[in-house]
Amino acid sequence: MRGLQLSIMVAALCALSACAPKSIYYWGRYEDLIYDMYVNPGKADPGTQVARLTEDIDKAHAQGQPVPPGVHAHLGYLYYQQGNLGGAEQEFRTEKKLFPESTPFVEGVLQRMRRQ
């Protein structure tokens, strides 16, 4: 009888987990990179973060999933830190295109970048 109860519980848990909402975004390592950047500064240099985010963006495209808001803006910031202003501007514009609600923020960043 115990085996039957255990089987029913396992089947119920499997059924419930199938109902869990799936994220519409491919998050990859984005959250971990942001966390490390603020909690463990210096753990991942901008070059490493650029490589990881670029890889995650490629994986998202390969799986047909969008990346979450902020990924391209963060990548733009990392390019800016490296002195790659062209790459930074391109990523900020991509953020704005994918998430039009980010326009005021992105335009402000681009204006500040141009003044320097």
PDB file of N, CA and C in Angstrom:
ATOM      1  N   MET A   1       0.823  -1.200   0.000  1.00  0.00           N
ATOM      2  CA  MET A   1       0.000   0.000   0.000  1.00  0.00           C
ATOM      3  C   MET A   1       0.864   1.260   0.000  1.00  0.00           C
ATOM      4  N   ARG A   2       1.981   1.219   0.747  1.00  0.00           N
ATOM      5  CA  ARG A   2       2.854   2.396   0.795  1.00  0.00           C
ATOM      6  C   ARG A   2       3.404   2.730  -0.576  1.00  0.00           C
ATOM      7  N   GLY A   3       3.744   1.710  -1.349  1.00  0.00           N
ATOM      8  CA  GLY A   3       4.277   1.913  -2.688  1.00  0.00           C
ATOM      9  C   GLY A   3       3.261   2.630  -3.571  1.00  0.00           C
ATOM     10  N   LEU A   4       1.989   2.295  -3.421  1.00  0.00           N
ATOM     11  CA  LEU A   4       0.936   2.932  -4.203  1.00  0.00           C
ATOM     12  C   LEU A   4       0.801   4.403  -3.816  1.00  0.00           C
ATOM     13  N   GLN A   5       0.843   4.680  -2.518  1.00  0.00           N
ATOM     14  CA  GLN A   5       0.756   6.073  -2.054  1.00  0.00           C
ATOM     15  C   GLN A   5       1.940   6.887  -2.563  1.00  0.00           C
ATOM     16  N   LEU A   6       3.116   6.309  -2.500  1.00  0.00           N
ATOM     17  CA  LEU A   6       4.312   6.991  -2.980  1.00  0.00           C
ATOM     18  C   LEU A   6       4.207   7.250  -4.483  1.00  0.00           C
ATOM     19  N   SER A   7       3.724   6.283  -5.221  1.00  0.00           N
ATOM     20  CA  SER A   7       3.566   6.444  -6.666  1.00  0.00           C
ATOM     21  C   SER A   7       2.572   7.552  -6.989  1.00  0.00           C
ATOM     22  N   ILE A   8       1.499   7.627  -6.246  1.00  0.00           N
ATOM     23  CA  ILE A   8       0.489   8.666  -6.451  1.00  0.00           C
ATOM     24  C   ILE A   8       1.081  10.037  -6.141  1.00  0.00           C
ATOM     25  N   MET A   9       1.850  10.129  -5.046  1.00  0.00           N
ATOM     26  CA  MET A   9       2.473  11.413  -4.698  1.00  0.00           C
ATOM     27  C   MET A   9       3.467  11.854  -5.771  1.00  0.00           C
ATOM     28  N   VAL A  10       4.285  10.938  -6.257  1.00  0.00           N
ATOM     29  CA  VAL A  10       5.257  11.267  -7.297  1.00  0.00           C
ATOM     30  C   VAL A  10       4.530  11.707  -8.563  1.00  0.00           C
ATOM     31  N   ALA A  11       3.483  11.009  -8.941  1.00  0.00           N
ATOM     32  CA  ALA A  11       2.711  11.368 -10.135  1.00  0.00           C
ATOM     33  C   ALA A  11       2.065  12.746  -9.968  1.00  0.00           C
ATOM     34  N   ALA A  12       1.565  13.030  -8.777  1.00  0.00           N
ATOM     35  CA  ALA A  12       0.944  14.338  -8.522  1.00  0.00           C
ATOM     36  C   ALA A  12       1.979  15.456  -8.610  1.00  0.00           C
ATOM     37  N   LEU A  13       3.152  15.229  -8.038  1.00  0.00           N
ATOM     38  CA  LEU A  13       4.208  16.238  -8.102  1.00  0.00           C
ATOM     39  C   LEU A  13       4.658  16.474  -9.534  1.00  0.00           C
ATOM     40  N   CYS A  14       4.781  15.425 -10.300  1.00  0.00           N
ATOM     41  CA  CYS A  14       5.166  15.574 -11.711  1.00  0.00           C
ATOM     42  C   CYS A  14       4.106  16.363 -12.475  1.00  0.00           C
ATOM     43  N   ALA A  15       2.842  16.063 -12.207  1.00  0.00           N
ATOM     44  CA  ALA A  15       1.761  16.773 -12.890  1.00  0.00           C
ATOM     45  C   ALA A  15       1.760  18.246 -12.508  1.00  0.00           C
ATOM     46  N   LEU A  16       1.990  18.540 -11.238  1.00  0.00           N
ATOM     47  CA  LEU A  16       2.016  19.935 -10.792  1.00  0.00           C
ATOM     48  C   LEU A  16       3.197  20.693 -11.378  1.00  0.00           C
ATOM     49  N   SER A  17       4.335  20.043 -11.463  1.00  0.00           N
ATOM     50  CA  SER A  17       5.504  20.738 -12.005  1.00  0.00           C
ATOM     51  C   SER A  17       5.325  21.045 -13.486  1.00  0.00           C
ATOM     52  N   ALA A  18       4.547  20.245 -14.183  1.00  0.00           N
ATOM     53  CA  ALA A  18       4.277  20.510 -15.598  1.00  0.00           C
ATOM     54  C   ALA A  18       3.410  21.746 -15.772  1.00  0.00           C
ATOM     55  N   CYS A  19       2.675  22.117 -14.732  1.00  0.00           N
ATOM     56  CA  CYS A  19       1.804  23.288 -14.800  1.00  0.00           C
ATOM     57  C   CYS A  19       2.524  24.584 -14.439  1.00  0.00           C
ATOM     58  N   ALA A  20       3.739  24.469 -13.953  1.00  0.00           N
ATOM     59  CA  ALA A  20       4.477  25.666 -13.543  1.00  0.00           C
ATOM     60  C   ALA A  20       4.700  26.566 -14.760  1.00  0.00           C
ATOM     61  N   PRO A  21       4.514  27.865 -14.579  1.00  0.00           N
ATOM     62  CA  PRO A  21       4.675  28.762 -15.718  1.00  0.00           C
ATOM     63  C   PRO A  21       6.128  28.792 -16.190  1.00  0.00           C
ATOM     64  N   LYS A  22       6.294  28.777 -17.486  1.00  0.00           N
ATOM     65  CA  LYS A  22       7.627  28.841 -18.078  1.00  0.00           C
ATOM     66  C   LYS A  22       7.926  30.301 -18.384  1.00  0.00           C
ATOM     67  N   SER A  23       9.141  30.715 -18.133  1.00  0.00           N
ATOM     68  CA  SER A  23       9.522  32.096 -18.383  1.00  0.00           C
ATOM     69  C   SER A  23       9.466  32.371 -19.881  1.00  0.00           C
ATOM     70  N   ILE A  24       9.022  33.562 -20.223  1.00  0.00           N
ATOM     71  CA  ILE A  24       9.001  33.923 -21.638  1.00  0.00           C
ATOM     72  C   ILE A  24      10.377  34.360 -22.111  1.00  0.00           C
ATOM     73  N   TYR A  25      11.292  34.581 -21.173  1.00  0.00           N
ATOM     74  CA  TYR A  25      12.630  35.047 -21.504  1.00  0.00           C
ATOM     75  C   TYR A  25      13.669  33.963 -21.266  1.00  0.00           C
ATOM     76  N   TYR A  26      14.743  34.049 -22.008  1.00  0.00           N
ATOM     77  CA  TYR A  26      15.908  33.204 -21.750  1.00  0.00           C
ATOM     78  C   TYR A  26      16.839  34.034 -20.869  1.00  0.00           C
ATOM     79  N   TRP A  27      16.953  33.647 -19.609  1.00  0.00           N
ATOM     80  CA  TRP A  27      17.722  34.429 -18.648  1.00  0.00           C
ATOM     81  C   TRP A  27      19.209  34.102 -18.673  1.00  0.00           C
ATOM     82  N   GLY A  28      19.573  32.884 -19.008  1.00  0.00           N
ATOM     83  CA  GLY A  28      20.981  32.517 -19.025  1.00  0.00           C
ATOM     84  C   GLY A  28      21.649  32.865 -17.711  1.00  0.00           C
ATOM     85  N   ARG A  29      22.799  33.521 -17.801  1.00  0.00           N
ATOM     86  CA  ARG A  29      23.564  33.881 -16.598  1.00  0.00           C
ATOM     87  C   ARG A  29      23.400  35.352 -16.220  1.00  0.00           C
ATOM     88  N   TYR A  30      22.450  36.022 -16.827  1.00  0.00           N
ATOM     89  CA  TYR A  30      22.287  37.462 -16.619  1.00  0.00           C
ATOM     90  C   TYR A  30      22.154  37.834 -15.144  1.00  0.00           C
ATOM     91  N   GLU A  31      21.257  37.167 -14.444  1.00  0.00           N
ATOM     92  CA  GLU A  31      21.043  37.506 -13.029  1.00  0.00           C
ATOM     93  C   GLU A  31      22.298  37.259 -12.192  1.00  0.00           C
ATOM     94  N   ASP A  32      22.986  36.168 -12.472  1.00  0.00           N
ATOM     95  CA  ASP A  32      24.219  35.870 -11.727  1.00  0.00           C
ATOM     96  C   ASP A  32      25.294  36.919 -12.000  1.00  0.00           C
ATOM     97  N   LEU A  33      25.395  37.372 -13.251  1.00  0.00           N
ATOM     98  CA  LEU A  33      26.390  38.391 -13.587  1.00  0.00           C
ATOM     99  C   LEU A  33      26.099  39.707 -12.871  1.00  0.00           C
ATOM    100  N   ILE A  34      24.840  40.102 -12.856  1.00  0.00           N
ATOM    101  CA  ILE A  34      24.451  41.341 -12.169  1.00  0.00           C
ATOM    102  C   ILE A  34      24.749  41.214 -10.677  1.00  0.00           C
ATOM    103  N   TYR A  35      24.387  40.083 -10.100  1.00  0.00           N
ATOM    104  CA  TYR A  35      24.626  39.848  -8.674  1.00  0.00           C
ATOM    105  C   TYR A  35      26.116  39.962  -8.361  1.00  0.00           C
ATOM    106  N   ASP A  36      26.930  39.249  -9.140  1.00  0.00           N
ATOM    107  CA  ASP A  36      28.376  39.286  -8.898  1.00  0.00           C
ATOM    108  C   ASP A  36      28.944  40.683  -9.082  1.00  0.00           C
ATOM    109  N   MET A  37      28.425  41.409 -10.042  1.00  0.00           N
ATOM    110  CA  MET A  37      28.941  42.751 -10.305  1.00  0.00           C
ATOM    111  C   MET A  37      28.789  43.664  -9.089  1.00  0.00           C
ATOM    112  N   TYR A  38      27.667  43.526  -8.393  1.00  0.00           N
ATOM    113  CA  TYR A  38      27.413  44.406  -7.254  1.00  0.00           C
ATOM    114  C   TYR A  38      27.854  43.826  -5.916  1.00  0.00           C
ATOM    115  N   VAL A  39      27.757  42.513  -5.751  1.00  0.00           N
ATOM    116  CA  VAL A  39      28.089  41.905  -4.466  1.00  0.00           C
ATOM    117  C   VAL A  39      29.567  41.507  -4.399  1.00  0.00           C
ATOM    118  N   ASN A  40      30.111  41.067  -5.516  1.00  0.00           N
ATOM    119  CA  ASN A  40      31.505  40.634  -5.574  1.00  0.00           C
ATOM    120  C   ASN A  40      32.237  41.409  -6.670  1.00  0.00           C
ATOM    121  N   PRO A  41      32.395  42.714  -6.496  1.00  0.00           N
ATOM    122  CA  PRO A  41      33.032  43.496  -7.555  1.00  0.00           C
ATOM    123  C   PRO A  41      34.415  42.933  -7.902  1.00  0.00           C
ATOM    124  N   GLY A  42      34.698  42.913  -9.185  1.00  0.00           N
ATOM    125  CA  GLY A  42      35.979  42.412  -9.644  1.00  0.00           C
ATOM    126  C   GLY A  42      36.002  40.922  -9.907  1.00  0.00           C
ATOM    127  N   LYS A  43      34.951  40.200  -9.520  1.00  0.00           N
ATOM    128  CA  LYS A  43      34.924  38.751  -9.732  1.00  0.00           C
ATOM    129  C   LYS A  43      34.899  38.422 -11.226  1.00  0.00           C
ATOM    130  N   ALA A  44      34.126  39.180 -11.972  1.00  0.00           N
ATOM    131  CA  ALA A  44      34.044  38.964 -13.418  1.00  0.00           C
ATOM    132  C   ALA A  44      34.318  40.294 -14.106  1.00  0.00           C
ATOM    133  N   ASP A  45      35.453  40.373 -14.777  1.00  0.00           N
ATOM    134  CA  ASP A  45      35.809  41.603 -15.471  1.00  0.00           C
ATOM    135  C   ASP A  45      34.860  41.837 -16.648  1.00  0.00           C
ATOM    136  N   PRO A  46      34.810  43.066 -17.174  1.00  0.00           N
ATOM    137  CA  PRO A  46      33.891  43.364 -18.278  1.00  0.00           C
ATOM    138  C   PRO A  46      34.067  42.432 -19.480  1.00  0.00           C
ATOM    139  N   GLY A  47      35.292  42.055 -19.801  1.00  0.00           N
ATOM    140  CA  GLY A  47      35.513  41.158 -20.942  1.00  0.00           C
ATOM    141  C   GLY A  47      34.843  39.806 -20.757  1.00  0.00           C
ATOM    142  N   THR A  48      34.960  39.263 -19.553  1.00  0.00           N
ATOM    143  CA  THR A  48      34.329  37.978 -19.243  1.00  0.00           C
ATOM    144  C   THR A  48      32.817  38.106 -19.297  1.00  0.00           C
ATOM    145  N   GLN A  49      32.294  39.199 -18.734  1.00  0.00           N
ATOM    146  CA  GLN A  49      30.847  39.398 -18.750  1.00  0.00           C
ATOM    147  C   GLN A  49      30.334  39.568 -20.181  1.00  0.00           C
ATOM    148  N   VAL A  50      31.064  40.302 -21.014  1.00  0.00           N
ATOM    149  CA  VAL A  50      30.669  40.483 -22.413  1.00  0.00           C
ATOM    150  C   VAL A  50      30.582  39.116 -23.097  1.00  0.00           C
ATOM    151  N   ALA A  51      31.598  38.297 -22.892  1.00  0.00           N
ATOM    152  CA  ALA A  51      31.619  36.968 -23.519  1.00  0.00           C
ATOM    153  C   ALA A  51      30.430  36.128 -23.059  1.00  0.00           C
ATOM    154  N   ARG A  52      30.144  36.156 -21.768  1.00  0.00           N
ATOM    155  CA  ARG A  52      29.042  35.343 -21.241  1.00  0.00           C
ATOM    156  C   ARG A  52      27.690  35.852 -21.721  1.00  0.00           C
ATOM    157  N   LEU A  53      27.488  37.160 -21.699  1.00  0.00           N
ATOM    158  CA  LEU A  53      26.202  37.704 -22.162  1.00  0.00           C
ATOM    159  C   LEU A  53      26.007  37.470 -23.651  1.00  0.00           C
ATOM    160  N   THR A  54      27.060  37.639 -24.430  1.00  0.00           N
ATOM    161  CA  THR A  54      26.965  37.402 -25.867  1.00  0.00           C
ATOM    162  C   THR A  54      26.617  35.948 -26.145  1.00  0.00           C
ATOM    163  N   GLU A  55      27.233  35.050 -25.400  1.00  0.00           N
ATOM    164  CA  GLU A  55      26.928  33.627 -25.533  1.00  0.00           C
ATOM    165  C   GLU A  55      25.466  33.356 -25.168  1.00  0.00           C
ATOM    166  N   ASP A  56      24.991  33.966 -24.089  1.00  0.00           N
ATOM    167  CA  ASP A  56      23.600  33.778 -23.679  1.00  0.00           C
ATOM    168  C   ASP A  56      22.628  34.328 -24.726  1.00  0.00           C
ATOM    169  N   ILE A  57      22.954  35.471 -25.312  1.00  0.00           N
ATOM    170  CA  ILE A  57      22.090  36.046 -26.352  1.00  0.00           C
ATOM    171  C   ILE A  57      22.030  35.107 -27.550  1.00  0.00           C
ATOM    172  N   ASP A  58      23.180  34.548 -27.929  1.00  0.00           N
ATOM    173  CA  ASP A  58      23.206  33.587 -29.038  1.00  0.00           C
ATOM    174  C   ASP A  58      22.378  32.349 -28.726  1.00  0.00           C
ATOM    175  N   LYS A  59      22.471  31.845 -27.493  1.00  0.00           N
ATOM    176  CA  LYS A  59      21.676  30.676 -27.088  1.00  0.00           C
ATOM    177  C   LYS A  59      20.185  31.005 -27.129  1.00  0.00           C
ATOM    178  N   ALA A  60      19.823  32.189 -26.665  1.00  0.00           N
ATOM    179  CA  ALA A  60      18.413  32.590 -26.677  1.00  0.00           C
ATOM    180  C   ALA A  60      17.881  32.615 -28.105  1.00  0.00           C
ATOM    181  N   HIS A  61      18.646  33.208 -29.010  1.00  0.00           N
ATOM    182  CA  HIS A  61      18.221  33.258 -30.410  1.00  0.00           C
ATOM    183  C   HIS A  61      18.095  31.854 -30.994  1.00  0.00           C
ATOM    184  N   ALA A  62      19.041  30.978 -30.662  1.00  0.00           N
ATOM    185  CA  ALA A  62      19.009  29.605 -31.167  1.00  0.00           C
ATOM    186  C   ALA A  62      17.777  28.854 -30.680  1.00  0.00           C
ATOM    187  N   GLN A  63      17.308  29.198 -29.477  1.00  0.00           N
ATOM    188  CA  GLN A  63      16.126  28.540 -28.911  1.00  0.00           C
ATOM    189  C   GLN A  63      14.834  29.282 -29.242  1.00  0.00           C
ATOM    190  N   GLY A  64      14.953  30.378 -29.952  1.00  0.00           N
ATOM    191  CA  GLY A  64      13.767  31.148 -30.313  1.00  0.00           C
ATOM    192  C   GLY A  64      13.143  31.889 -29.147  1.00  0.00           C
ATOM    193  N   GLN A  65      13.928  32.203 -28.133  1.00  0.00           N
ATOM    194  CA  GLN A  65      13.430  32.929 -26.971  1.00  0.00           C
ATOM    195  C   GLN A  65      14.061  34.311 -26.914  1.00  0.00           C
ATOM    196  N   PRO A  66      13.310  35.295 -26.445  1.00  0.00           N
ATOM    197  CA  PRO A  66      13.894  36.624 -26.270  1.00  0.00           C
ATOM    198  C   PRO A  66      14.689  36.691 -24.968  1.00  0.00           C
ATOM    199  N   VAL A  67      15.633  37.614 -24.926  1.00  0.00           N
ATOM    200  CA  VAL A  67      16.344  37.874 -23.677  1.00  0.00           C
ATOM    201  C   VAL A  67      15.508  38.859 -22.866  1.00  0.00           C
ATOM    202  N   PRO A  68      15.688  38.902 -21.559  1.00  0.00           N
ATOM    203  CA  PRO A  68      14.879  39.794 -20.729  1.00  0.00           C
ATOM    204  C   PRO A  68      15.308  41.251 -20.879  1.00  0.00           C
ATOM    205  N   PRO A  69      14.432  42.156 -20.445  1.00  0.00           N
ATOM    206  CA  PRO A  69      14.792  43.574 -20.460  1.00  0.00           C
ATOM    207  C   PRO A  69      16.065  43.791 -19.645  1.00  0.00           C
ATOM    208  N   GLY A  70      16.926  44.644 -20.155  1.00  0.00           N
ATOM    209  CA  GLY A  70      18.135  45.001 -19.432  1.00  0.00           C
ATOM    210  C   GLY A  70      19.391  44.318 -19.926  1.00  0.00           C
ATOM    211  N   VAL A  71      19.262  43.185 -20.611  1.00  0.00           N
ATOM    212  CA  VAL A  71      20.449  42.450 -21.057  1.00  0.00           C
ATOM    213  C   VAL A  71      21.263  43.295 -22.030  1.00  0.00           C
ATOM    214  N   HIS A  72      20.601  43.851 -23.034  1.00  0.00           N
ATOM    215  CA  HIS A  72      21.342  44.639 -24.020  1.00  0.00           C
ATOM    216  C   HIS A  72      21.857  45.947 -23.415  1.00  0.00           C
ATOM    217  N   ALA A  73      21.115  46.528 -22.497  1.00  0.00           N
ATOM    218  CA  ALA A  73      21.594  47.747 -21.827  1.00  0.00           C
ATOM    219  C   ALA A  73      22.830  47.429 -20.984  1.00  0.00           C
ATOM    220  N   HIS A  74      22.804  46.308 -20.286  1.00  0.00           N
ATOM    221  CA  HIS A  74      23.961  45.921 -19.476  1.00  0.00           C
ATOM    222  C   HIS A  74      25.163  45.637 -20.375  1.00  0.00           C
ATOM    223  N   LEU A  75      24.921  44.963 -21.490  1.00  0.00           N
ATOM    224  CA  LEU A  75      25.998  44.695 -22.433  1.00  0.00           C
ATOM    225  C   LEU A  75      26.555  46.010 -22.992  1.00  0.00           C
ATOM    226  N   GLY A  76      25.674  46.963 -23.256  1.00  0.00           N
ATOM    227  CA  GLY A  76      26.123  48.282 -23.701  1.00  0.00           C
ATOM    228  C   GLY A  76      26.996  48.958 -22.659  1.00  0.00           C
ATOM    229  N   TYR A  77      26.611  48.854 -21.403  1.00  0.00           N
ATOM    230  CA  TYR A  77      27.406  49.429 -20.311  1.00  0.00           C
ATOM    231  C   TYR A  77      28.787  48.780 -20.241  1.00  0.00           C
ATOM    232  N   LEU A  78      28.834  47.467 -20.422  1.00  0.00           N
ATOM    233  CA  LEU A  78      30.114  46.763 -20.387  1.00  0.00           C
ATOM    234  C   LEU A  78      31.005  47.192 -21.548  1.00  0.00           C
ATOM    235  N   TYR A  79      30.411  47.349 -22.717  1.00  0.00           N
ATOM    236  CA  TYR A  79      31.182  47.848 -23.859  1.00  0.00           C
ATOM    237  C   TYR A  79      31.705  49.257 -23.572  1.00  0.00           C
ATOM    238  N   TYR A  80      30.878  50.065 -22.953  1.00  0.00           N
ATOM    239  CA  TYR A  80      31.296  51.419 -22.584  1.00  0.00           C
ATOM    240  C   TYR A  80      32.499  51.367 -21.644  1.00  0.00           C
ATOM    241  N   GLN A  81      32.455  50.466 -20.659  1.00  0.00           N
ATOM    242  CA  GLN A  81      33.570  50.318 -19.725  1.00  0.00           C
ATOM    243  C   GLN A  81      34.858  49.921 -20.443  1.00  0.00           C
ATOM    244  N   GLN A  82      34.730  49.184 -21.525  1.00  0.00           N
ATOM    245  CA  GLN A  82      35.894  48.756 -22.289  1.00  0.00           C
ATOM    246  C   GLN A  82      36.367  49.813 -23.284  1.00  0.00           C
ATOM    247  N   GLY A  83      35.602  50.910 -23.413  1.00  0.00           N
ATOM    248  CA  GLY A  83      35.967  51.948 -24.362  1.00  0.00           C
ATOM    249  C   GLY A  83      35.433  51.715 -25.761  1.00  0.00           C
ATOM    250  N   ASN A  84      34.577  50.728 -25.919  1.00  0.00           N
ATOM    251  CA  ASN A  84      33.967  50.404 -27.209  1.00  0.00           C
ATOM    252  C   ASN A  84      32.650  51.177 -27.330  1.00  0.00           C
ATOM    253  N   LEU A  85      32.744  52.452 -27.683  1.00  0.00           N
ATOM    254  CA  LEU A  85      31.555  53.309 -27.723  1.00  0.00           C
ATOM    255  C   LEU A  85      30.587  52.898 -28.822  1.00  0.00           C
ATOM    256  N   GLY A  86      31.105  52.427 -29.957  1.00  0.00           N
ATOM    257  CA  GLY A  86      30.237  51.966 -31.039  1.00  0.00           C
ATOM    258  C   GLY A  86      29.415  50.763 -30.621  1.00  0.00           C
ATOM    259  N   GLY A  87      30.067  49.800 -29.986  1.00  0.00           N
ATOM    260  CA  GLY A  87      29.356  48.623 -29.488  1.00  0.00           C
ATOM    261  C   GLY A  87      28.350  48.987 -28.417  1.00  0.00           C
ATOM    262  N   ALA A  88      28.741  49.927 -27.552  1.00  0.00           N
ATOM    263  CA  ALA A  88      27.833  50.372 -26.491  1.00  0.00           C
ATOM    264  C   ALA A  88      26.582  50.997 -27.090  1.00  0.00           C
ATOM    265  N   GLU A  89      26.774  51.895 -28.041  1.00  0.00           N
ATOM    266  CA  GLU A  89      25.621  52.564 -28.645  1.00  0.00           C
ATOM    267  C   GLU A  89      24.716  51.559 -29.346  1.00  0.00           C
ATOM    268  N   GLN A  90      25.310  50.605 -30.050  1.00  0.00           N
ATOM    269  CA  GLN A  90      24.510  49.592 -30.744  1.00  0.00           C
ATOM    270  C   GLN A  90      23.663  48.788 -29.756  1.00  0.00           C
ATOM    271  N   GLU A  91      24.249  48.380 -28.639  1.00  0.00           N
ATOM    272  CA  GLU A  91      23.498  47.589 -27.647  1.00  0.00           C
ATOM    273  C   GLU A  91      22.400  48.415 -26.986  1.00  0.00           C
ATOM    274  N   PHE A  92      22.687  49.688 -26.696  1.00  0.00           N
ATOM    275  CA  PHE A  92      21.640  50.529 -26.109  1.00  0.00           C
ATOM    276  C   PHE A  92      20.492  50.716 -27.093  1.00  0.00           C
ATOM    277  N   ARG A  93      20.800  50.865 -28.362  1.00  0.00           N
ATOM    278  CA  ARG A  93      19.744  51.005 -29.380  1.00  0.00           C
ATOM    279  C   ARG A  93      18.941  49.705 -29.522  1.00  0.00           C
ATOM    280  N   THR A  94      19.611  48.571 -29.400  1.00  0.00           N
ATOM    281  CA  THR A  94      18.906  47.283 -29.438  1.00  0.00           C
ATOM    282  C   THR A  94      17.954  47.176 -28.255  1.00  0.00           C
ATOM    283  N   GLU A  95      18.416  47.601 -27.074  1.00  0.00           N
ATOM    284  CA  GLU A  95      17.550  47.593 -25.879  1.00  0.00           C
ATOM    285  C   GLU A  95      16.306  48.436 -26.137  1.00  0.00           C
ATOM    286  N   LYS A  96      16.510  49.602 -26.690  1.00  0.00           N
ATOM    287  CA  LYS A  96      15.399  50.524 -26.963  1.00  0.00           C
ATOM    288  C   LYS A  96      14.435  49.932 -27.992  1.00  0.00           C
ATOM    289  N   LYS A  97      14.971  49.271 -29.001  1.00  0.00           N
ATOM    290  CA  LYS A  97      14.130  48.669 -30.038  1.00  0.00           C
ATOM    291  C   LYS A  97      13.290  47.516 -29.476  1.00  0.00           C
ATOM    292  N   LEU A  98      13.922  46.665 -28.671  1.00  0.00           N
ATOM    293  CA  LEU A  98      13.216  45.505 -28.118  1.00  0.00           C
ATOM    294  C   LEU A  98      12.247  45.881 -27.003  1.00  0.00           C
ATOM    295  N   PHE A  99      12.588  46.924 -26.253  1.00  0.00           N
ATOM    296  CA  PHE A  99      11.777  47.337 -25.110  1.00  0.00           C
ATOM    297  C   PHE A  99      11.568  48.849 -25.181  1.00  0.00           C
ATOM    298  N   PRO A 100      10.604  49.296 -25.986  1.00  0.00           N
ATOM    299  CA  PRO A 100      10.397  50.738 -26.187  1.00  0.00           C
ATOM    300  C   PRO A 100      10.184  51.520 -24.895  1.00  0.00           C
ATOM    301  N   GLU A 101       9.724  50.853 -23.853  1.00  0.00           N
ATOM    302  CA  GLU A 101       9.524  51.545 -22.575  1.00  0.00           C
ATOM    303  C   GLU A 101      10.843  51.997 -21.966  1.00  0.00           C
ATOM    304  N   SER A 102      11.951  51.474 -22.480  1.00  0.00           N
ATOM    305  CA  SER A 102      13.266  51.876 -21.973  1.00  0.00           C
ATOM    306  C   SER A 102      13.792  53.135 -22.661  1.00  0.00           C
ATOM    307  N   THR A 103      13.045  53.687 -23.609  1.00  0.00           N
ATOM    308  CA  THR A 103      13.511  54.822 -24.406  1.00  0.00           C
ATOM    309  C   THR A 103      14.008  55.993 -23.564  1.00  0.00           C
ATOM    310  N   PRO A 104      13.268  56.485 -22.567  1.00  0.00           N
ATOM    311  CA  PRO A 104      13.788  57.627 -21.797  1.00  0.00           C
ATOM    312  C   PRO A 104      15.134  57.320 -21.134  1.00  0.00           C
ATOM    313  N   PHE A 105      15.274  56.140 -20.569  1.00  0.00           N
ATOM    314  CA  PHE A 105      16.529  55.755 -19.932  1.00  0.00           C
ATOM    315  C   PHE A 105      17.653  55.682 -20.961  1.00  0.00           C
ATOM    316  N   VAL A 106      17.401  54.966 -22.053  1.00  0.00           N
ATOM    317  CA  VAL A 106      18.430  54.769 -23.075  1.00  0.00           C
ATOM    318  C   VAL A 106      18.851  56.094 -23.693  1.00  0.00           C
ATOM    319  N   GLU A 107      17.893  56.945 -24.000  1.00  0.00           N
ATOM    320  CA  GLU A 107      18.239  58.240 -24.600  1.00  0.00           C
ATOM    321  C   GLU A 107      19.087  59.081 -23.636  1.00  0.00           C
ATOM    322  N   GLY A 108      18.778  59.023 -22.359  1.00  0.00           N
ATOM    323  CA  GLY A 108      19.573  59.733 -21.356  1.00  0.00           C
ATOM    324  C   GLY A 108      20.997  59.216 -21.302  1.00  0.00           C
ATOM    325  N   VAL A 109      21.152  57.898 -21.351  1.00  0.00           N
ATOM    326  CA  VAL A 109      22.486  57.301 -21.335  1.00  0.00           C
ATOM    327  C   VAL A 109      23.258  57.700 -22.588  1.00  0.00           C
ATOM    328  N   LEU A 110      22.604  57.630 -23.742  1.00  0.00           N
ATOM    329  CA  LEU A 110      23.273  57.981 -24.993  1.00  0.00           C
ATOM    330  C   LEU A 110      23.702  59.454 -25.001  1.00  0.00           C
ATOM    331  N   GLN A 111      22.865  60.320 -24.473  1.00  0.00           N
ATOM    332  CA  GLN A 111      23.232  61.738 -24.404  1.00  0.00           C
ATOM    333  C   GLN A 111      24.464  61.942 -23.522  1.00  0.00           C
ATOM    334  N   ARG A 112      24.496  61.274 -22.371  1.00  0.00           N
ATOM    335  CA  ARG A 112      25.653  61.390 -21.477  1.00  0.00           C
ATOM    336  C   ARG A 112      26.919  60.807 -22.118  1.00  0.00           C
ATOM    337  N   MET A 113      26.752  59.722 -22.877  1.00  0.00           N
ATOM    338  CA  MET A 113      27.900  59.122 -23.562  1.00  0.00           C
ATOM    339  C   MET A 113      28.481  60.097 -24.587  1.00  0.00           C
ATOM    340  N   ARG A 114      27.615  60.774 -25.301  1.00  0.00           N
ATOM    341  CA  ARG A 114      28.062  61.680 -26.354  1.00  0.00           C
ATOM    342  C   ARG A 114      28.773  62.900 -25.790  1.00  0.00           C
ATOM    343  N   ARG A 115      28.441  63.305 -24.579  1.00  0.00           N
ATOM    344  CA  ARG A 115      29.074  64.481 -23.962  1.00  0.00           C
ATOM    345  C   ARG A 115      30.501  64.205 -23.535  1.00  0.00           C
ATOM    346  N   GLN A 116      30.852  62.965 -23.370  1.00  0.00           N
ATOM    347  CA  GLN A 116      32.193  62.637 -22.874  1.00  0.00           C
ATOM    348  C   GLN A 116      33.193  62.559 -23.978  1.00  0.00           C
TER     349      GLN A 116
END
